[in-house]
Amino acid sequence: MDGVEVTRRPVSDTLPEVLARHLRRVPTDVDWTTVTLADLGLDSMVAIELVLDLEDTFGAQFPEDALVRETFETFRSLEAVVKSMVDGS
């Protein structure tokens, strides 16, 4: 994908790094299980950039049916979609 090296690290290790590149307010000690992505600065424009970065990082197409608000509410909801796109399920 455009010469970008595709990661082979686990999604749970890589996703926080990808999110940190796009979210404006990620404290170093963020608890991904208790915070919403909107609280960290995710908005619709950031979500578009994030999806493109996720596709490049993981070398897989983001599922069209997952382009809904619920996917981007929490780390866990986004992680589940990214794992499914990487696993091809």
Protein backbone atom coordinates (compact mmCIF):
# COMPACT_ATOMS: atom_id res chain seq x y z
CA MET A 1 0.00 0.00 0.00
CA ASP A 2 1.92 3.04 -1.26
CA GLY A 3 5.26 1.64 -0.11
CA VAL A 4 4.28 1.69 3.57
CA GLU A 5 5.64 -1.23 5.55
CA VAL A 6 2.80 -3.34 6.90
CA THR A 7 3.05 -4.16 10.58
CA ARG A 8 3.08 -7.75 11.82
CA ARG A 9 2.82 -6.80 15.51
CA PRO A 10 -0.37 -7.62 17.40
CA VAL A 11 -3.23 -5.17 16.90
CA SER A 12 -3.44 -4.47 20.65
CA ASP A 13 0.22 -3.33 20.62
CA THR A 14 0.05 -1.24 17.45
CA LEU A 15 -3.37 0.38 17.68
CA PRO A 16 -2.49 2.75 20.58
CA GLU A 17 0.47 4.06 18.55
CA VAL A 18 -1.74 4.66 15.51
CA LEU A 19 -4.37 6.41 17.64
CA ALA A 20 -1.74 8.61 19.30
CA ARG A 21 -0.71 9.90 15.84
CA HIS A 22 -4.23 11.22 15.27
CA LEU A 23 -5.81 12.08 18.61
CA ARG A 24 -5.06 15.47 20.16
CA ARG A 25 -5.38 14.70 23.85
CA VAL A 26 -3.83 11.33 24.71
CA PRO A 27 -2.18 11.37 28.14
CA THR A 28 0.83 9.12 28.54
CA ASP A 29 -1.02 7.13 31.19
CA VAL A 30 -4.31 6.82 29.28
CA ASP A 31 -6.60 4.00 30.39
CA TRP A 32 -8.04 2.81 27.09
CA THR A 33 -10.76 0.84 28.91
CA THR A 34 -12.38 3.88 30.51
CA VAL A 35 -12.06 6.74 28.02
CA THR A 36 -14.00 7.42 24.84
CA LEU A 37 -12.10 8.26 21.69
CA ALA A 38 -14.14 11.47 21.36
CA ASP A 39 -12.80 12.57 24.77
CA LEU A 40 -9.31 12.20 23.30
CA GLY A 41 -10.11 14.38 20.29
CA LEU A 42 -11.62 12.02 17.73
CA ASP A 43 -13.99 13.77 15.35
CA SER A 44 -15.25 12.89 11.87
CA MET A 45 -12.27 14.40 10.05
CA VAL A 46 -9.79 12.63 12.33
CA ALA A 47 -11.71 9.38 11.85
CA ILE A 48 -11.19 9.57 8.07
CA GLU A 49 -7.44 10.07 8.48
CA LEU A 50 -7.37 7.31 11.09
CA VAL A 51 -9.08 4.81 8.78
CA LEU A 52 -6.56 5.52 6.02
CA ASP A 53 -3.66 5.11 8.45
CA LEU A 54 -5.13 1.85 9.80
CA GLU A 55 -5.40 0.47 6.27
CA ASP A 56 -1.78 1.40 5.55
CA THR A 57 -0.48 0.17 8.90
CA PHE A 58 -2.23 -3.19 8.82
CA GLY A 59 -2.32 -3.74 5.05
CA ALA A 60 -6.03 -4.48 5.00
CA GLN A 61 -9.21 -2.78 3.85
CA PHE A 62 -11.32 -1.20 6.59
CA PRO A 63 -14.78 -2.81 6.37
CA GLU A 64 -17.32 -0.44 4.85
CA ASP A 65 -20.06 -1.68 7.16
CA ALA A 66 -17.89 -0.70 10.14
CA LEU A 67 -17.79 2.96 9.15
CA VAL A 68 -20.34 3.81 11.83
CA ARG A 69 -20.21 5.90 14.99
CA GLU A 70 -20.20 2.84 17.29
CA THR A 71 -16.91 1.59 15.82
CA PHE A 72 -15.14 4.78 16.88
CA GLU A 73 -16.63 5.15 20.37
CA THR A 74 -14.01 3.26 22.36
CA PHE A 75 -10.63 1.63 21.97
CA ARG A 76 -12.20 -1.82 22.38
CA SER A 77 -14.85 -1.28 19.69
CA LEU A 78 -12.23 -0.04 17.22
CA GLU A 79 -9.82 -2.80 18.21
CA ALA A 80 -12.46 -5.45 17.46
CA VAL A 81 -12.99 -4.09 13.95
CA VAL A 82 -9.26 -3.79 13.25
CA LYS A 83 -8.68 -7.36 14.46
CA SER A 84 -11.44 -8.60 12.16
CA MET A 85 -10.00 -6.73 9.18
CA VAL A 86 -6.52 -8.11 9.86
CA ASP A 87 -7.78 -11.64 10.41
CA GLY A 88 -9.99 -11.39 7.33
CA SER A 89 -13.10 -12.40 9.25
